[in-house]
Amino acid sequence: MSRMQRDKGKRGELELCKFLDEHGHPAERSQQYRGNVDAPDILCESVPFAIESKRCERLSVYAALEQAEADTDGPVLVCHRRNGKHWLAILRLDDLLGLL
């Protein structure tokens, strides 16, 4: 991964943390950026998912979910945003039904 990609990933994680904070869900980047590759991208105690941040123009949804699932043993939430677009939440339907 290039430095440019890492920087964009970091900016995306910080942007997502700010979004969650502004909506009443305090969040922070996890220890992943310190070398713990098995950690989710974002820690947010009020959200019952491991959160993976994807800030890119093209996303392979299943690959993103599989990557997030490899980082944790519980349900995962992939948050994705393209340039100029809103954040999207991607999760398994059975995990969503568990919330409802």
PDB file of N, CA and C in Angstrom:
ATOM      1  N   MET A   1       0.850  -1.180   0.000  1.00  0.00           N
ATOM      2  CA  MET A   1       0.000   0.000   0.000  1.00  0.00           C
ATOM      3  C   MET A   1       0.891   1.237   0.000  1.00  0.00           C
ATOM      4  N   SER A   2       0.576   2.166  -0.849  1.00  0.00           N
ATOM      5  CA  SER A   2       1.385   3.375  -0.948  1.00  0.00           C
ATOM      6  C   SER A   2       1.050   4.348   0.186  1.00  0.00           C
ATOM      7  N   ARG A   3       1.951   5.271   0.399  1.00  0.00           N
ATOM      8  CA  ARG A   3       1.739   6.300   1.425  1.00  0.00           C
ATOM      9  C   ARG A   3       0.472   7.101   1.118  1.00  0.00           C
ATOM     10  N   MET A   4       0.235   7.371  -0.154  1.00  0.00           N
ATOM     11  CA  MET A   4      -0.943   8.135  -0.561  1.00  0.00           C
ATOM     12  C   MET A   4      -2.223   7.383  -0.181  1.00  0.00           C
ATOM     13  N   GLN A   5      -2.243   6.064  -0.397  1.00  0.00           N
ATOM     14  CA  GLN A   5      -3.410   5.252  -0.026  1.00  0.00           C
ATOM     15  C   GLN A   5      -3.592   5.219   1.486  1.00  0.00           C
ATOM     16  N   ARG A   6      -2.483   5.080   2.225  1.00  0.00           N
ATOM     17  CA  ARG A   6      -2.569   5.069   3.691  1.00  0.00           C
ATOM     18  C   ARG A   6      -3.112   6.400   4.205  1.00  0.00           C
ATOM     19  N   ASP A   7      -2.630   7.503   3.614  1.00  0.00           N
ATOM     20  CA  ASP A   7      -3.095   8.821   4.049  1.00  0.00           C
ATOM     21  C   ASP A   7      -4.585   9.004   3.770  1.00  0.00           C
ATOM     22  N   LYS A   8      -5.049   8.533   2.601  1.00  0.00           N
ATOM     23  CA  LYS A   8      -6.467   8.643   2.277  1.00  0.00           C
ATOM     24  C   LYS A   8      -7.291   7.775   3.228  1.00  0.00           C
ATOM     25  N   GLY A   9      -6.770   6.581   3.558  1.00  0.00           N
ATOM     26  CA  GLY A   9      -7.465   5.719   4.510  1.00  0.00           C
ATOM     27  C   GLY A   9      -7.563   6.368   5.878  1.00  0.00           C
ATOM     28  N   LYS A  10      -6.480   6.992   6.311  1.00  0.00           N
ATOM     29  CA  LYS A  10      -6.472   7.684   7.603  1.00  0.00           C
ATOM     30  C   LYS A  10      -7.476   8.829   7.600  1.00  0.00           C
ATOM     31  N   ARG A  11      -7.478   9.611   6.523  1.00  0.00           N
ATOM     32  CA  ARG A  11      -8.432  10.726   6.438  1.00  0.00           C
ATOM     33  C   ARG A  11      -9.871  10.203   6.469  1.00  0.00           C
ATOM     34  N   GLY A  12     -10.116   9.090   5.774  1.00  0.00           N
ATOM     35  CA  GLY A  12     -11.456   8.505   5.780  1.00  0.00           C
ATOM     36  C   GLY A  12     -11.865   8.050   7.165  1.00  0.00           C
ATOM     37  N   GLU A  13     -10.944   7.416   7.891  1.00  0.00           N
ATOM     38  CA  GLU A  13     -11.243   6.962   9.249  1.00  0.00           C
ATOM     39  C   GLU A  13     -11.538   8.144  10.162  1.00  0.00           C
ATOM     40  N   LEU A  14     -10.733   9.196  10.066  1.00  0.00           N
ATOM     41  CA  LEU A  14     -10.960  10.382  10.895  1.00  0.00           C
ATOM     42  C   LEU A  14     -12.284  11.062  10.531  1.00  0.00           C
ATOM     43  N   GLU A  15     -12.591  11.104   9.252  1.00  0.00           N
ATOM     44  CA  GLU A  15     -13.848  11.693   8.789  1.00  0.00           C
ATOM     45  C   GLU A  15     -15.041  10.891   9.316  1.00  0.00           C
ATOM     46  N   LEU A  16     -14.939   9.562   9.270  1.00  0.00           N
ATOM     47  CA  LEU A  16     -16.020   8.720   9.776  1.00  0.00           C
ATOM     48  C   LEU A  16     -16.168   8.874  11.279  1.00  0.00           C
ATOM     49  N   CYS A  17     -15.070   8.955  12.005  1.00  0.00           N
ATOM     50  CA  CYS A  17     -15.138   9.193  13.457  1.00  0.00           C
ATOM     51  C   CYS A  17     -15.858  10.506  13.750  1.00  0.00           C
ATOM     52  N   LYS A  18     -15.524  11.542  12.997  1.00  0.00           N
ATOM     53  CA  LYS A  18     -16.168  12.844  13.191  1.00  0.00           C
ATOM     54  C   LYS A  18     -17.666  12.747  12.903  1.00  0.00           C
ATOM     55  N   PHE A  19     -18.031  12.054  11.831  1.00  0.00           N
ATOM     56  CA  PHE A  19     -19.443  11.864  11.483  1.00  0.00           C
ATOM     57  C   PHE A  19     -20.191  11.166  12.619  1.00  0.00           C
ATOM     58  N   LEU A  20     -19.614  10.078  13.119  1.00  0.00           N
ATOM     59  CA  LEU A  20     -20.252   9.343  14.214  1.00  0.00           C
ATOM     60  C   LEU A  20     -20.350  10.210  15.466  1.00  0.00           C
ATOM     61  N   ASP A  21     -19.274  10.928  15.792  1.00  0.00           N
ATOM     62  CA  ASP A  21     -19.282  11.830  16.949  1.00  0.00           C
ATOM     63  C   ASP A  21     -20.404  12.853  16.840  1.00  0.00           C
ATOM     64  N   GLU A  22     -20.528  13.464  15.660  1.00  0.00           N
ATOM     65  CA  GLU A  22     -21.545  14.507  15.447  1.00  0.00           C
ATOM     66  C   GLU A  22     -22.965  13.964  15.551  1.00  0.00           C
ATOM     67  N   HIS A  23     -23.107  12.663  15.408  1.00  0.00           N
ATOM     68  CA  HIS A  23     -24.435  12.039  15.499  1.00  0.00           C
ATOM     69  C   HIS A  23     -24.629  11.281  16.812  1.00  0.00           C
ATOM     70  N   GLY A  24     -23.845  11.653  17.819  1.00  0.00           N
ATOM     71  CA  GLY A  24     -24.051  11.120  19.161  1.00  0.00           C
ATOM     72  C   GLY A  24     -23.407   9.784  19.452  1.00  0.00           C
ATOM     73  N   HIS A  25     -22.459   9.370  18.624  1.00  0.00           N
ATOM     74  CA  HIS A  25     -21.784   8.087  18.825  1.00  0.00           C
ATOM     75  C   HIS A  25     -20.279   8.307  18.860  1.00  0.00           C
ATOM     76  N   PRO A  26     -19.731   8.610  20.038  1.00  0.00           N
ATOM     77  CA  PRO A  26     -18.287   8.869  20.138  1.00  0.00           C
ATOM     78  C   PRO A  26     -17.477   7.714  19.549  1.00  0.00           C
ATOM     79  N   ALA A  27     -16.540   8.064  18.682  1.00  0.00           N
ATOM     80  CA  ALA A  27     -15.745   7.050  17.980  1.00  0.00           C
ATOM     81  C   ALA A  27     -14.301   7.516  17.882  1.00  0.00           C
ATOM     82  N   GLU A  28     -13.422   6.525  17.726  1.00  0.00           N
ATOM     83  CA  GLU A  28     -12.005   6.830  17.540  1.00  0.00           C
ATOM     84  C   GLU A  28     -11.375   5.758  16.671  1.00  0.00           C
ATOM     85  N   ARG A  29     -10.248   6.102  16.066  1.00  0.00           N
ATOM     86  CA  ARG A  29      -9.508   5.104  15.296  1.00  0.00           C
ATOM     87  C   ARG A  29      -9.003   4.053  16.271  1.00  0.00           C
ATOM     88  N   SER A  30      -8.963   2.829  15.808  1.00  0.00           N
ATOM     89  CA  SER A  30      -8.510   1.741  16.676  1.00  0.00           C
ATOM     90  C   SER A  30      -6.998   1.646  16.676  1.00  0.00           C
ATOM     91  N   GLN A  31      -6.501   0.622  17.308  1.00  0.00           N
ATOM     92  CA  GLN A  31      -5.063   0.391  17.369  1.00  0.00           C
ATOM     93  C   GLN A  31      -4.509  -0.139  16.054  1.00  0.00           C
ATOM     94  N   GLN A  32      -5.352  -0.344  15.068  1.00  0.00           N
ATOM     95  CA  GLN A  32      -4.910  -0.890  13.791  1.00  0.00           C
ATOM     96  C   GLN A  32      -3.776  -0.060  13.191  1.00  0.00           C
ATOM     97  N   TYR A  33      -3.897   1.255  13.291  1.00  0.00           N
ATOM     98  CA  TYR A  33      -2.872   2.107  12.684  1.00  0.00           C
ATOM     99  C   TYR A  33      -1.542   2.006  13.421  1.00  0.00           C
ATOM    100  N   ARG A  34      -1.522   1.365  14.571  1.00  0.00           N
ATOM    101  CA  ARG A  34      -0.267   1.151  15.309  1.00  0.00           C
ATOM    102  C   ARG A  34       0.314  -0.234  15.047  1.00  0.00           C
ATOM    103  N   GLY A  35      -0.233  -0.934  14.063  1.00  0.00           N
ATOM    104  CA  GLY A  35       0.323  -2.220  13.689  1.00  0.00           C
ATOM    105  C   GLY A  35      -0.518  -3.422  14.064  1.00  0.00           C
ATOM    106  N   ASN A  36      -1.608  -3.227  14.776  1.00  0.00           N
ATOM    107  CA  ASN A  36      -2.489  -4.334  15.133  1.00  0.00           C
ATOM    108  C   ASN A  36      -3.447  -4.577  13.965  1.00  0.00           C
ATOM    109  N   VAL A  37      -3.023  -5.389  13.016  1.00  0.00           N
ATOM    110  CA  VAL A  37      -3.800  -5.564  11.791  1.00  0.00           C
ATOM    111  C   VAL A  37      -5.108  -6.314  12.008  1.00  0.00           C
ATOM    112  N   ASP A  38      -5.278  -6.956  13.149  1.00  0.00           N
ATOM    113  CA  ASP A  38      -6.512  -7.690  13.424  1.00  0.00           C
ATOM    114  C   ASP A  38      -7.577  -6.846  14.111  1.00  0.00           C
ATOM    115  N   ALA A  39      -7.354  -5.561  14.206  1.00  0.00           N
ATOM    116  CA  ALA A  39      -8.315  -4.670  14.856  1.00  0.00           C
ATOM    117  C   ALA A  39      -9.218  -4.027  13.805  1.00  0.00           C
ATOM    118  N   PRO A  40     -10.469  -3.746  14.163  1.00  0.00           N
ATOM    119  CA  PRO A  40     -11.323  -2.998  13.223  1.00  0.00           C
ATOM    120  C   PRO A  40     -10.782  -1.576  13.070  1.00  0.00           C
ATOM    121  N   ASP A  41     -11.219  -0.872  12.035  1.00  0.00           N
ATOM    122  CA  ASP A  41     -10.724   0.484  11.788  1.00  0.00           C
ATOM    123  C   ASP A  41     -11.178   1.473  12.852  1.00  0.00           C
ATOM    124  N   ILE A  42     -12.437   1.357  13.264  1.00  0.00           N
ATOM    125  CA  ILE A  42     -13.065   2.342  14.146  1.00  0.00           C
ATOM    126  C   ILE A  42     -13.608   1.652  15.393  1.00  0.00           C
ATOM    127  N   LEU A  43     -13.400   2.281  16.538  1.00  0.00           N
ATOM    128  CA  LEU A  43     -13.984   1.814  17.797  1.00  0.00           C
ATOM    129  C   LEU A  43     -15.100   2.772  18.193  1.00  0.00           C
ATOM    130  N   CYS A  44     -16.268   2.217  18.423  1.00  0.00           N
ATOM    131  CA  CYS A  44     -17.428   3.013  18.816  1.00  0.00           C
ATOM    132  C   CYS A  44     -18.289   2.128  19.707  1.00  0.00           C
ATOM    133  N   GLU A  45     -18.246   2.378  21.001  1.00  0.00           N
ATOM    134  CA  GLU A  45     -18.922   1.506  21.968  1.00  0.00           C
ATOM    135  C   GLU A  45     -20.430   1.451  21.790  1.00  0.00           C
ATOM    136  N   SER A  46     -21.032   2.504  21.236  1.00  0.00           N
ATOM    137  CA  SER A  46     -22.488   2.522  21.109  1.00  0.00           C
ATOM    138  C   SER A  46     -22.990   1.803  19.855  1.00  0.00           C
ATOM    139  N   VAL A  47     -22.086   1.351  19.014  1.00  0.00           N
ATOM    140  CA  VAL A  47     -22.463   0.637  17.794  1.00  0.00           C
ATOM    141  C   VAL A  47     -22.061  -0.830  17.974  1.00  0.00           C
ATOM    142  N   PRO A  48     -23.012  -1.759  17.857  1.00  0.00           N
ATOM    143  CA  PRO A  48     -22.719  -3.169  18.151  1.00  0.00           C
ATOM    144  C   PRO A  48     -22.052  -3.923  16.995  1.00  0.00           C
ATOM    145  N   PHE A  49     -21.156  -3.263  16.291  1.00  0.00           N
ATOM    146  CA  PHE A  49     -20.466  -3.848  15.147  1.00  0.00           C
ATOM    147  C   PHE A  49     -19.000  -3.459  15.179  1.00  0.00           C
ATOM    148  N   ALA A  50     -18.179  -4.296  14.564  1.00  0.00           N
ATOM    149  CA  ALA A  50     -16.812  -3.891  14.247  1.00  0.00           C
ATOM    150  C   ALA A  50     -16.928  -3.029  12.993  1.00  0.00           C
ATOM    151  N   ILE A  51     -16.359  -1.836  13.023  1.00  0.00           N
ATOM    152  CA  ILE A  51     -16.551  -0.889  11.923  1.00  0.00           C
ATOM    153  C   ILE A  51     -15.309  -0.826  11.044  1.00  0.00           C
ATOM    154  N   GLU A  52     -15.528  -1.035   9.752  1.00  0.00           N
ATOM    155  CA  GLU A  52     -14.478  -0.931   8.732  1.00  0.00           C
ATOM    156  C   GLU A  52     -14.785   0.306   7.894  1.00  0.00           C
ATOM    157  N   SER A  53     -13.809   1.156   7.710  1.00  0.00           N
ATOM    158  CA  SER A  53     -13.975   2.371   6.924  1.00  0.00           C
ATOM    159  C   SER A  53     -13.369   2.177   5.543  1.00  0.00           C
ATOM    160  N   LYS A  54     -14.135   2.500   4.515  1.00  0.00           N
ATOM    161  CA  LYS A  54     -13.657   2.418   3.136  1.00  0.00           C
ATOM    162  C   LYS A  54     -13.945   3.746   2.447  1.00  0.00           C
ATOM    163  N   ARG A  55     -12.898   4.480   2.161  1.00  0.00           N
ATOM    164  CA  ARG A  55     -13.023   5.795   1.515  1.00  0.00           C
ATOM    165  C   ARG A  55     -12.369   5.681   0.142  1.00  0.00           C
ATOM    166  N   CYS A  56     -13.144   5.207  -0.847  1.00  0.00           N
ATOM    167  CA  CYS A  56     -12.600   4.953  -2.182  1.00  0.00           C
ATOM    168  C   CYS A  56     -13.699   5.147  -3.218  1.00  0.00           C
ATOM    169  N   GLU A  57     -13.307   5.235  -4.455  1.00  0.00           N
ATOM    170  CA  GLU A  57     -14.269   5.438  -5.534  1.00  0.00           C
ATOM    171  C   GLU A  57     -14.963   4.141  -5.929  1.00  0.00           C
ATOM    172  N   ARG A  58     -14.252   3.037  -5.862  1.00  0.00           N
ATOM    173  CA  ARG A  58     -14.834   1.736  -6.216  1.00  0.00           C
ATOM    174  C   ARG A  58     -14.638   0.781  -5.055  1.00  0.00           C
ATOM    175  N   LEU A  59     -15.686   0.035  -4.762  1.00  0.00           N
ATOM    176  CA  LEU A  59     -15.618  -0.878  -3.630  1.00  0.00           C
ATOM    177  C   LEU A  59     -16.161  -2.238  -4.032  1.00  0.00           C
ATOM    178  N   SER A  60     -15.422  -3.270  -3.729  1.00  0.00           N
ATOM    179  CA  SER A  60     -15.907  -4.633  -3.855  1.00  0.00           C
ATOM    180  C   SER A  60     -16.564  -4.969  -2.517  1.00  0.00           C
ATOM    181  N   VAL A  61     -17.870  -4.955  -2.492  1.00  0.00           N
ATOM    182  CA  VAL A  61     -18.630  -5.085  -1.247  1.00  0.00           C
ATOM    183  C   VAL A  61     -18.292  -6.380  -0.518  1.00  0.00           C
ATOM    184  N   TYR A  62     -18.295  -7.484  -1.218  1.00  0.00           N
ATOM    185  CA  TYR A  62     -18.042  -8.762  -0.553  1.00  0.00           C
ATOM    186  C   TYR A  62     -16.611  -8.854  -0.046  1.00  0.00           C
ATOM    187  N   ALA A  63     -15.666  -8.345  -0.810  1.00  0.00           N
ATOM    188  CA  ALA A  63     -14.266  -8.353  -0.351  1.00  0.00           C
ATOM    189  C   ALA A  63     -14.116  -7.482   0.889  1.00  0.00           C
ATOM    190  N   ALA A  64     -14.800  -6.339   0.927  1.00  0.00           N
ATOM    191  CA  ALA A  64     -14.734  -5.453   2.092  1.00  0.00           C
ATOM    192  C   ALA A  64     -15.336  -6.131   3.325  1.00  0.00           C
ATOM    193  N   LEU A  65     -16.479  -6.801   3.147  1.00  0.00           N
ATOM    194  CA  LEU A  65     -17.094  -7.517   4.263  1.00  0.00           C
ATOM    195  C   LEU A  65     -16.199  -8.651   4.753  1.00  0.00           C
ATOM    196  N   GLU A  66     -15.610  -9.385   3.827  1.00  0.00           N
ATOM    197  CA  GLU A  66     -14.718 -10.484   4.213  1.00  0.00           C
ATOM    198  C   GLU A  66     -13.493  -9.971   4.958  1.00  0.00           C
ATOM    199  N   GLN A  67     -12.936  -8.853   4.521  1.00  0.00           N
ATOM    200  CA  GLN A  67     -11.796  -8.267   5.222  1.00  0.00           C
ATOM    201  C   GLN A  67     -12.188  -7.874   6.636  1.00  0.00           C
ATOM    202  N   ALA A  68     -13.346  -7.231   6.776  1.00  0.00           N
ATOM    203  CA  ALA A  68     -13.809  -6.807   8.092  1.00  0.00           C
ATOM    204  C   ALA A  68     -14.065  -8.008   8.994  1.00  0.00           C
ATOM    205  N   GLU A  69     -14.664  -9.062   8.440  1.00  0.00           N
ATOM    206  CA  GLU A  69     -14.950 -10.262   9.224  1.00  0.00           C
ATOM    207  C   GLU A  69     -13.672 -10.966   9.671  1.00  0.00           C
ATOM    208  N   ALA A  70     -12.626 -10.867   8.886  1.00  0.00           N
ATOM    209  CA  ALA A  70     -11.350 -11.475   9.259  1.00  0.00           C
ATOM    210  C   ALA A  70     -10.718 -10.757  10.448  1.00  0.00           C
ATOM    211  N   ASP A  71     -11.107  -9.504  10.681  1.00  0.00           N
ATOM    212  CA  ASP A  71     -10.540  -8.701  11.765  1.00  0.00           C
ATOM    213  C   ASP A  71     -11.269  -8.867  13.091  1.00  0.00           C
ATOM    214  N   THR A  72     -12.383  -9.607  13.108  1.00  0.00           N
ATOM    215  CA  THR A  72     -13.172  -9.728  14.333  1.00  0.00           C
ATOM    216  C   THR A  72     -13.973 -11.027  14.300  1.00  0.00           C
ATOM    217  N   ASP A  73     -14.561 -11.369  15.427  1.00  0.00           N
ATOM    218  CA  ASP A  73     -15.392 -12.578  15.468  1.00  0.00           C
ATOM    219  C   ASP A  73     -16.871 -12.251  15.588  1.00  0.00           C
ATOM    220  N   GLY A  74     -17.226 -10.998  15.542  1.00  0.00           N
ATOM    221  CA  GLY A  74     -18.623 -10.595  15.669  1.00  0.00           C
ATOM    222  C   GLY A  74     -19.148  -9.966  14.394  1.00  0.00           C
ATOM    223  N   PRO A  75     -20.312  -9.352  14.474  1.00  0.00           N
ATOM    224  CA  PRO A  75     -20.896  -8.715  13.295  1.00  0.00           C
ATOM    225  C   PRO A  75     -20.072  -7.497  12.863  1.00  0.00           C
ATOM    226  N   VAL A  76     -20.103  -7.217  11.570  1.00  0.00           N
ATOM    227  CA  VAL A  76     -19.312  -6.115  11.029  1.00  0.00           C
ATOM    228  C   VAL A  76     -20.186  -5.127  10.271  1.00  0.00           C
ATOM    229  N   LEU A  77     -19.716  -3.902  10.236  1.00  0.00           N
ATOM    230  CA  LEU A  77     -20.348  -2.813   9.506  1.00  0.00           C
ATOM    231  C   LEU A  77     -19.267  -2.172   8.657  1.00  0.00           C
ATOM    232  N   VAL A  78     -19.481  -2.154   7.349  1.00  0.00           N
ATOM    233  CA  VAL A  78     -18.551  -1.486   6.446  1.00  0.00           C
ATOM    234  C   VAL A  78     -19.176  -0.148   6.092  1.00  0.00           C
ATOM    235  N   CYS A  79     -18.456   0.927   6.349  1.00  0.00           N
ATOM    236  CA  CYS A  79     -18.917   2.266   6.001  1.00  0.00           C
ATOM    237  C   CYS A  79     -18.113   2.735   4.800  1.00  0.00           C
ATOM    238  N   HIS A  80     -18.816   3.129   3.751  1.00  0.00           N
ATOM    239  CA  HIS A  80     -18.160   3.495   2.499  1.00  0.00           C
ATOM    240  C   HIS A  80     -18.620   4.870   2.038  1.00  0.00           C
ATOM    241  N   ARG A  81     -17.656   5.623   1.492  1.00  0.00           N
ATOM    242  CA  ARG A  81     -18.002   6.920   0.913  1.00  0.00           C
ATOM    243  C   ARG A  81     -17.113   7.185  -0.287  1.00  0.00           C
ATOM    244  N   ARG A  82     -17.739   7.598  -1.368  1.00  0.00           N
ATOM    245  CA  ARG A  82     -17.030   8.071  -2.551  1.00  0.00           C
ATOM    246  C   ARG A  82     -16.916   9.584  -2.472  1.00  0.00           C
ATOM    247  N   ASN A  83     -16.062  10.161  -3.262  1.00  0.00           N
ATOM    248  CA  ASN A  83     -15.927  11.618  -3.321  1.00  0.00           C
ATOM    249  C   ASN A  83     -17.268  12.249  -3.665  1.00  0.00           C
ATOM    250  N   GLY A  84     -17.658  13.248  -2.897  1.00  0.00           N
ATOM    251  CA  GLY A  84     -18.884  13.986  -3.164  1.00  0.00           C
ATOM    252  C   GLY A  84     -20.169  13.259  -2.839  1.00  0.00           C
ATOM    253  N   LYS A  85     -20.085  12.121  -2.188  1.00  0.00           N
ATOM    254  CA  LYS A  85     -21.276  11.322  -1.863  1.00  0.00           C
ATOM    255  C   LYS A  85     -21.428  11.176  -0.355  1.00  0.00           C
ATOM    256  N   HIS A  86     -22.575  10.670   0.073  1.00  0.00           N
ATOM    257  CA  HIS A  86     -22.844  10.409   1.488  1.00  0.00           C
ATOM    258  C   HIS A  86     -22.210   9.096   1.911  1.00  0.00           C
ATOM    259  N   TRP A  87     -21.998   8.955   3.208  1.00  0.00           N
ATOM    260  CA  TRP A  87     -21.537   7.679   3.756  1.00  0.00           C
ATOM    261  C   TRP A  87     -22.652   6.648   3.595  1.00  0.00           C
ATOM    262  N   LEU A  88     -22.265   5.421   3.270  1.00  0.00           N
ATOM    263  CA  LEU A  88     -23.194   4.295   3.192  1.00  0.00           C
ATOM    264  C   LEU A  88     -22.815   3.269   4.245  1.00  0.00           C
ATOM    265  N   ALA A  89     -23.798   2.553   4.742  1.00  0.00           N
ATOM    266  CA  ALA A  89     -23.571   1.481   5.708  1.00  0.00           C
ATOM    267  C   ALA A  89     -23.888   0.159   5.036  1.00  0.00           C
ATOM    268  N   ILE A  90     -22.933  -0.762   5.091  1.00  0.00           N
ATOM    269  CA  ILE A  90     -23.090  -2.066   4.456  1.00  0.00           C
ATOM    270  C   ILE A  90     -22.942  -3.127   5.539  1.00  0.00           C
ATOM    271  N   LEU A  91     -23.956  -3.971   5.670  1.00  0.00           N
ATOM    272  CA  LEU A  91     -23.896  -5.049   6.637  1.00  0.00           C
ATOM    273  C   LEU A  91     -24.742  -6.208   6.150  1.00  0.00           C
ATOM    274  N   ARG A  92     -24.531  -7.359   6.752  1.00  0.00           N
ATOM    275  CA  ARG A  92     -25.326  -8.533   6.398  1.00  0.00           C
ATOM    276  C   ARG A  92     -26.779  -8.310   6.823  1.00  0.00           C
ATOM    277  N   LEU A  93     -27.695  -8.788   6.020  1.00  0.00           N
ATOM    278  CA  LEU A  93     -29.122  -8.614   6.315  1.00  0.00           C
ATOM    279  C   LEU A  93     -29.495  -9.252   7.635  1.00  0.00           C
ATOM    280  N   ASP A  94     -28.940 -10.423   7.959  1.00  0.00           N
ATOM    281  CA  ASP A  94     -29.291 -11.054   9.229  1.00  0.00           C
ATOM    282  C   ASP A  94     -28.795 -10.225  10.418  1.00  0.00           C
ATOM    283  N   ASP A  95     -27.671  -9.503  10.257  1.00  0.00           N
ATOM    284  CA  ASP A  95     -27.209  -8.610  11.330  1.00  0.00           C
ATOM    285  C   ASP A  95     -28.167  -7.422  11.484  1.00  0.00           C
ATOM    286  N   LEU A  96     -28.669  -6.897  10.376  1.00  0.00           N
ATOM    287  CA  LEU A  96     -29.637  -5.807  10.452  1.00  0.00           C
ATOM    288  C   LEU A  96     -30.919  -6.278  11.127  1.00  0.00           C
ATOM    289  N   LEU A  97     -31.399  -7.462  10.761  1.00  0.00           N
ATOM    290  CA  LEU A  97     -32.609  -7.988  11.365  1.00  0.00           C
ATOM    291  C   LEU A  97     -32.441  -8.193  12.863  1.00  0.00           C
ATOM    292  N   GLY A  98     -31.217  -8.531  13.282  1.00  0.00           N
ATOM    293  CA  GLY A  98     -30.947  -8.671  14.720  1.00  0.00           C
ATOM    294  C   GLY A  98     -31.108  -7.353  15.453  1.00  0.00           C
ATOM    295  N   LEU A  99     -30.875  -6.239  14.779  1.00  0.00           N
ATOM    296  CA  LEU A  99     -31.057  -4.913  15.390  1.00  0.00           C
ATOM    297  C   LEU A  99     -32.534  -4.539  15.490  1.00  0.00           C
ATOM    298  N   LEU A 100     -33.310  -5.001  14.537  1.00  0.00           N
ATOM    299  CA  LEU A 100     -34.723  -4.630  14.475  1.00  0.00           C
ATOM    300  C   LEU A 100     -35.534  -5.451  15.442  1.00  0.00           C
TER     301      LEU A 100
END
